[in-house]
Amino acid sequence: MAQLKAKAGFTIQQIERKMAETQSQLDAKVKKMEEQMKHAGETRKAKLQKRIHTIKEEYKLRTAKLKQASKLVHEALAAEVEAEEHAGVEV
């Protein structure tokens, strides 16, 4: 059981790290495009705004999937703990 908890903890840490990394990448991309917008013409600004919107939507989808993965790991671990408790195995 301890091994399972350690594996779940490691997996959750990886998910959290990936979410932070994704946020950093988003921030960097948006900042770069906002800088480009300062010196761009109207057509280019519109394209950059559209791209920023797309990137933010992709980020939302990616983080939603990562949060779901984290939730599933928590649920699987809780189910395993509960099953062992019902079986009389000491946790």
N, C-alpha and C. Protein backbone atom coordinates (compact mmCIF):
# COMPACT_ATOMS: atom_id res chain seq x y z
N MET A 1 0.83 -1.19 0.00
CA MET A 1 0.00 0.00 0.00
C MET A 1 0.87 1.26 0.00
N ALA A 2 1.94 1.22 0.75
CA ALA A 2 2.83 2.38 0.81
C ALA A 2 3.42 2.66 -0.57
N GLN A 3 3.70 1.60 -1.30
CA GLN A 3 4.26 1.77 -2.65
C GLN A 3 3.22 2.44 -3.56
N LEU A 4 1.98 2.04 -3.42
CA LEU A 4 0.90 2.63 -4.22
C LEU A 4 0.74 4.11 -3.88
N LYS A 5 0.77 4.43 -2.59
CA LYS A 5 0.66 5.83 -2.18
C LYS A 5 1.82 6.66 -2.72
N ALA A 6 3.02 6.09 -2.69
CA ALA A 6 4.20 6.80 -3.19
C ALA A 6 4.07 7.04 -4.69
N LYS A 7 3.61 6.02 -5.42
CA LYS A 7 3.42 6.17 -6.86
C LYS A 7 2.38 7.23 -7.17
N ALA A 8 1.28 7.21 -6.43
CA ALA A 8 0.21 8.19 -6.64
C ALA A 8 0.73 9.59 -6.33
N GLY A 9 1.47 9.72 -5.25
CA GLY A 9 2.03 11.02 -4.88
C GLY A 9 2.98 11.54 -5.95
N PHE A 10 3.80 10.65 -6.47
CA PHE A 10 4.72 11.05 -7.53
C PHE A 10 3.97 11.49 -8.78
N THR A 11 2.94 10.73 -9.13
CA THR A 11 2.14 11.07 -10.31
C THR A 11 1.47 12.42 -10.14
N ILE A 12 0.93 12.66 -8.98
CA ILE A 12 0.28 13.95 -8.71
C ILE A 12 1.29 15.09 -8.79
N GLN A 13 2.49 14.87 -8.28
CA GLN A 13 3.54 15.89 -8.37
C GLN A 13 3.89 16.18 -9.84
N GLN A 14 3.96 15.13 -10.65
CA GLN A 14 4.25 15.32 -12.06
C GLN A 14 3.15 16.14 -12.74
N ILE A 15 1.91 15.84 -12.40
CA ILE A 15 0.78 16.57 -12.98
C ILE A 15 0.84 18.04 -12.57
N GLU A 16 1.10 18.30 -11.29
CA GLU A 16 1.19 19.68 -10.82
C GLU A 16 2.35 20.42 -11.48
N ARG A 17 3.47 19.74 -11.65
CA ARG A 17 4.63 20.35 -12.31
C ARG A 17 4.29 20.68 -13.77
N LYS A 18 3.60 19.78 -14.44
CA LYS A 18 3.22 20.01 -15.83
C LYS A 18 2.25 21.18 -15.94
N MET A 19 1.34 21.31 -14.97
CA MET A 19 0.41 22.44 -15.00
C MET A 19 1.15 23.76 -14.81
N ALA A 20 2.11 23.79 -13.90
CA ALA A 20 2.90 25.01 -13.68
C ALA A 20 3.73 25.33 -14.93
N GLU A 21 4.29 24.31 -15.53
CA GLU A 21 5.09 24.49 -16.74
C GLU A 21 4.22 25.03 -17.88
N THR A 22 3.03 24.50 -18.00
CA THR A 22 2.10 24.95 -19.03
C THR A 22 1.72 26.40 -18.82
N GLN A 23 1.49 26.78 -17.57
CA GLN A 23 1.16 28.18 -17.25
C GLN A 23 2.31 29.10 -17.61
N SER A 24 3.53 28.69 -17.31
CA SER A 24 4.71 29.49 -17.64
C SER A 24 4.86 29.67 -19.14
N GLN A 25 4.62 28.59 -19.88
CA GLN A 25 4.72 28.67 -21.34
C GLN A 25 3.66 29.61 -21.89
N LEU A 26 2.45 29.52 -21.37
CA LEU A 26 1.37 30.41 -21.80
C LEU A 26 1.75 31.85 -21.55
N ASP A 27 2.19 32.14 -20.34
CA ASP A 27 2.55 33.51 -19.98
C ASP A 27 3.64 34.06 -20.91
N ALA A 28 4.64 33.24 -21.20
CA ALA A 28 5.74 33.67 -22.06
C ALA A 28 5.25 33.95 -23.48
N LYS A 29 4.42 33.06 -24.00
CA LYS A 29 3.91 33.26 -25.37
C LYS A 29 3.05 34.51 -25.46
N VAL A 30 2.16 34.68 -24.50
CA VAL A 30 1.26 35.83 -24.52
C VAL A 30 2.07 37.12 -24.38
N LYS A 31 3.04 37.13 -23.49
CA LYS A 31 3.86 38.32 -23.30
C LYS A 31 4.60 38.68 -24.59
N LYS A 32 5.14 37.68 -25.25
CA LYS A 32 5.87 37.92 -26.50
C LYS A 32 4.94 38.50 -27.56
N MET A 33 3.75 37.94 -27.67
CA MET A 33 2.81 38.44 -28.68
C MET A 33 2.29 39.83 -28.34
N GLU A 34 2.12 40.11 -27.07
CA GLU A 34 1.70 41.45 -26.67
C GLU A 34 2.77 42.48 -26.99
N GLU A 35 4.02 42.10 -26.85
CA GLU A 35 5.12 42.98 -27.23
C GLU A 35 5.11 43.23 -28.75
N GLN A 36 4.85 42.19 -29.51
CA GLN A 36 4.79 42.32 -30.96
C GLN A 36 3.63 43.23 -31.37
N MET A 37 2.54 43.17 -30.62
CA MET A 37 1.37 43.98 -30.95
C MET A 37 1.65 45.48 -30.83
N LYS A 38 2.58 45.84 -29.95
CA LYS A 38 2.90 47.25 -29.75
C LYS A 38 3.44 47.90 -31.02
N HIS A 39 4.08 47.10 -31.84
CA HIS A 39 4.72 47.62 -33.05
C HIS A 39 4.08 47.13 -34.34
N ALA A 40 2.92 46.49 -34.21
CA ALA A 40 2.28 45.89 -35.38
C ALA A 40 1.19 46.79 -35.95
N GLY A 41 0.92 46.58 -37.21
CA GLY A 41 -0.19 47.27 -37.85
C GLY A 41 -1.50 46.61 -37.43
N GLU A 42 -2.60 47.18 -37.85
CA GLU A 42 -3.92 46.70 -37.43
C GLU A 42 -4.18 45.25 -37.84
N THR A 43 -3.79 44.89 -39.04
CA THR A 43 -4.02 43.52 -39.51
C THR A 43 -3.23 42.53 -38.67
N ARG A 44 -1.98 42.84 -38.43
CA ARG A 44 -1.12 41.97 -37.62
C ARG A 44 -1.63 41.91 -36.18
N LYS A 45 -2.08 43.02 -35.63
CA LYS A 45 -2.63 43.04 -34.27
C LYS A 45 -3.83 42.10 -34.17
N ALA A 46 -4.70 42.14 -35.15
CA ALA A 46 -5.89 41.28 -35.14
C ALA A 46 -5.48 39.80 -35.16
N LYS A 47 -4.48 39.49 -35.98
CA LYS A 47 -4.00 38.10 -36.04
C LYS A 47 -3.39 37.67 -34.71
N LEU A 48 -2.63 38.57 -34.10
CA LEU A 48 -2.01 38.25 -32.82
C LEU A 48 -3.06 38.08 -31.73
N GLN A 49 -4.08 38.94 -31.73
CA GLN A 49 -5.15 38.81 -30.74
C GLN A 49 -5.88 37.48 -30.89
N LYS A 50 -6.12 37.09 -32.13
CA LYS A 50 -6.77 35.82 -32.39
C LYS A 50 -5.91 34.66 -31.89
N ARG A 51 -4.60 34.76 -32.16
CA ARG A 51 -3.67 33.71 -31.72
C ARG A 51 -3.61 33.63 -30.19
N ILE A 52 -3.60 34.77 -29.53
CA ILE A 52 -3.60 34.79 -28.06
C ILE A 52 -4.85 34.09 -27.54
N HIS A 53 -5.98 34.41 -28.13
CA HIS A 53 -7.23 33.77 -27.72
C HIS A 53 -7.14 32.25 -27.90
N THR A 54 -6.62 31.81 -29.03
CA THR A 54 -6.49 30.38 -29.31
C THR A 54 -5.57 29.71 -28.30
N ILE A 55 -4.45 30.34 -28.02
CA ILE A 55 -3.49 29.78 -27.06
C ILE A 55 -4.12 29.66 -25.67
N LYS A 56 -4.86 30.66 -25.27
CA LYS A 56 -5.52 30.60 -23.95
C LYS A 56 -6.56 29.50 -23.90
N GLU A 57 -7.29 29.29 -24.97
CA GLU A 57 -8.28 28.21 -25.02
C GLU A 57 -7.59 26.84 -24.96
N GLU A 58 -6.48 26.70 -25.68
CA GLU A 58 -5.72 25.46 -25.64
C GLU A 58 -5.21 25.20 -24.22
N TYR A 59 -4.77 26.25 -23.54
CA TYR A 59 -4.30 26.13 -22.17
C TYR A 59 -5.43 25.65 -21.26
N LYS A 60 -6.62 26.22 -21.42
CA LYS A 60 -7.75 25.80 -20.59
C LYS A 60 -8.05 24.32 -20.79
N LEU A 61 -8.03 23.87 -22.03
CA LEU A 61 -8.29 22.46 -22.32
C LEU A 61 -7.21 21.56 -21.71
N ARG A 62 -5.97 21.96 -21.88
CA ARG A 62 -4.84 21.18 -21.35
C ARG A 62 -4.90 21.07 -19.83
N THR A 63 -5.15 22.19 -19.17
CA THR A 63 -5.19 22.15 -17.71
C THR A 63 -6.42 21.39 -17.21
N ALA A 64 -7.52 21.46 -17.94
CA ALA A 64 -8.70 20.69 -17.55
C ALA A 64 -8.39 19.18 -17.60
N LYS A 65 -7.66 18.77 -18.63
CA LYS A 65 -7.28 17.36 -18.74
C LYS A 65 -6.32 16.96 -17.62
N LEU A 66 -5.39 17.82 -17.29
CA LEU A 66 -4.45 17.53 -16.21
C LEU A 66 -5.17 17.46 -14.87
N LYS A 67 -6.11 18.36 -14.65
CA LYS A 67 -6.89 18.34 -13.40
C LYS A 67 -7.72 17.06 -13.31
N GLN A 68 -8.28 16.64 -14.43
CA GLN A 68 -9.05 15.40 -14.46
C GLN A 68 -8.15 14.21 -14.14
N ALA A 69 -6.95 14.20 -14.70
CA ALA A 69 -6.00 13.12 -14.41
C ALA A 69 -5.66 13.08 -12.93
N SER A 70 -5.44 14.24 -12.33
CA SER A 70 -5.14 14.31 -10.91
C SER A 70 -6.31 13.78 -10.09
N LYS A 71 -7.50 14.16 -10.46
CA LYS A 71 -8.71 13.70 -9.76
C LYS A 71 -8.83 12.18 -9.84
N LEU A 72 -8.56 11.62 -11.01
CA LEU A 72 -8.65 10.18 -11.18
C LEU A 72 -7.62 9.44 -10.33
N VAL A 73 -6.43 9.99 -10.23
CA VAL A 73 -5.40 9.38 -9.38
C VAL A 73 -5.86 9.40 -7.92
N HIS A 74 -6.40 10.53 -7.47
CA HIS A 74 -6.91 10.63 -6.10
C HIS A 74 -8.03 9.61 -5.86
N GLU A 75 -8.95 9.51 -6.81
CA GLU A 75 -10.07 8.59 -6.67
C GLU A 75 -9.60 7.13 -6.64
N ALA A 76 -8.66 6.80 -7.50
CA ALA A 76 -8.13 5.44 -7.54
C ALA A 76 -7.44 5.09 -6.22
N LEU A 77 -6.68 6.01 -5.70
CA LEU A 77 -6.00 5.78 -4.44
C LEU A 77 -7.01 5.62 -3.31
N ALA A 78 -8.02 6.47 -3.27
CA ALA A 78 -9.04 6.39 -2.23
C ALA A 78 -9.80 5.06 -2.32
N ALA A 79 -10.09 4.60 -3.52
CA ALA A 79 -10.79 3.34 -3.71
C ALA A 79 -9.93 2.18 -3.21
N GLU A 80 -8.64 2.24 -3.49
CA GLU A 80 -7.73 1.19 -3.04
C GLU A 80 -7.63 1.16 -1.52
N VAL A 81 -7.54 2.32 -0.91
CA VAL A 81 -7.47 2.41 0.55
C VAL A 81 -8.75 1.84 1.15
N GLU A 82 -9.88 2.23 0.59
CA GLU A 82 -11.17 1.76 1.10
C GLU A 82 -11.29 0.25 0.94
N ALA A 83 -10.86 -0.29 -0.18
CA ALA A 83 -10.93 -1.73 -0.41
C ALA A 83 -10.07 -2.49 0.59
N GLU A 84 -8.91 -1.97 0.87
CA GLU A 84 -8.03 -2.63 1.84
C GLU A 84 -8.60 -2.53 3.25
N GLU A 85 -9.23 -1.41 3.57
CA GLU A 85 -9.83 -1.27 4.90
C GLU A 85 -10.98 -2.26 5.08
N HIS A 86 -11.78 -2.45 4.04
CA HIS A 86 -12.89 -3.39 4.11
C HIS A 86 -12.41 -4.84 4.15
N ALA A 87 -11.26 -5.08 3.59
CA ALA A 87 -10.70 -6.43 3.59
C ALA A 87 -10.00 -6.74 4.90
N GLY A 88 -9.87 -5.74 5.76
CA GLY A 88 -9.23 -5.94 7.04
C GLY A 88 -7.73 -5.82 7.00
N VAL A 89 -7.21 -5.35 5.95
CA VAL A 89 -5.78 -5.15 5.80
C VAL A 89 -5.42 -3.82 6.45
N GLU A 90 -4.36 -3.81 7.24
CA GLU A 90 -3.95 -2.57 7.88
C GLU A 90 -3.29 -1.65 6.88
N VAL A 91 -3.66 -0.37 6.92
CA VAL A 91 -3.14 0.61 5.97
C VAL A 91 -1.89 1.24 6.49
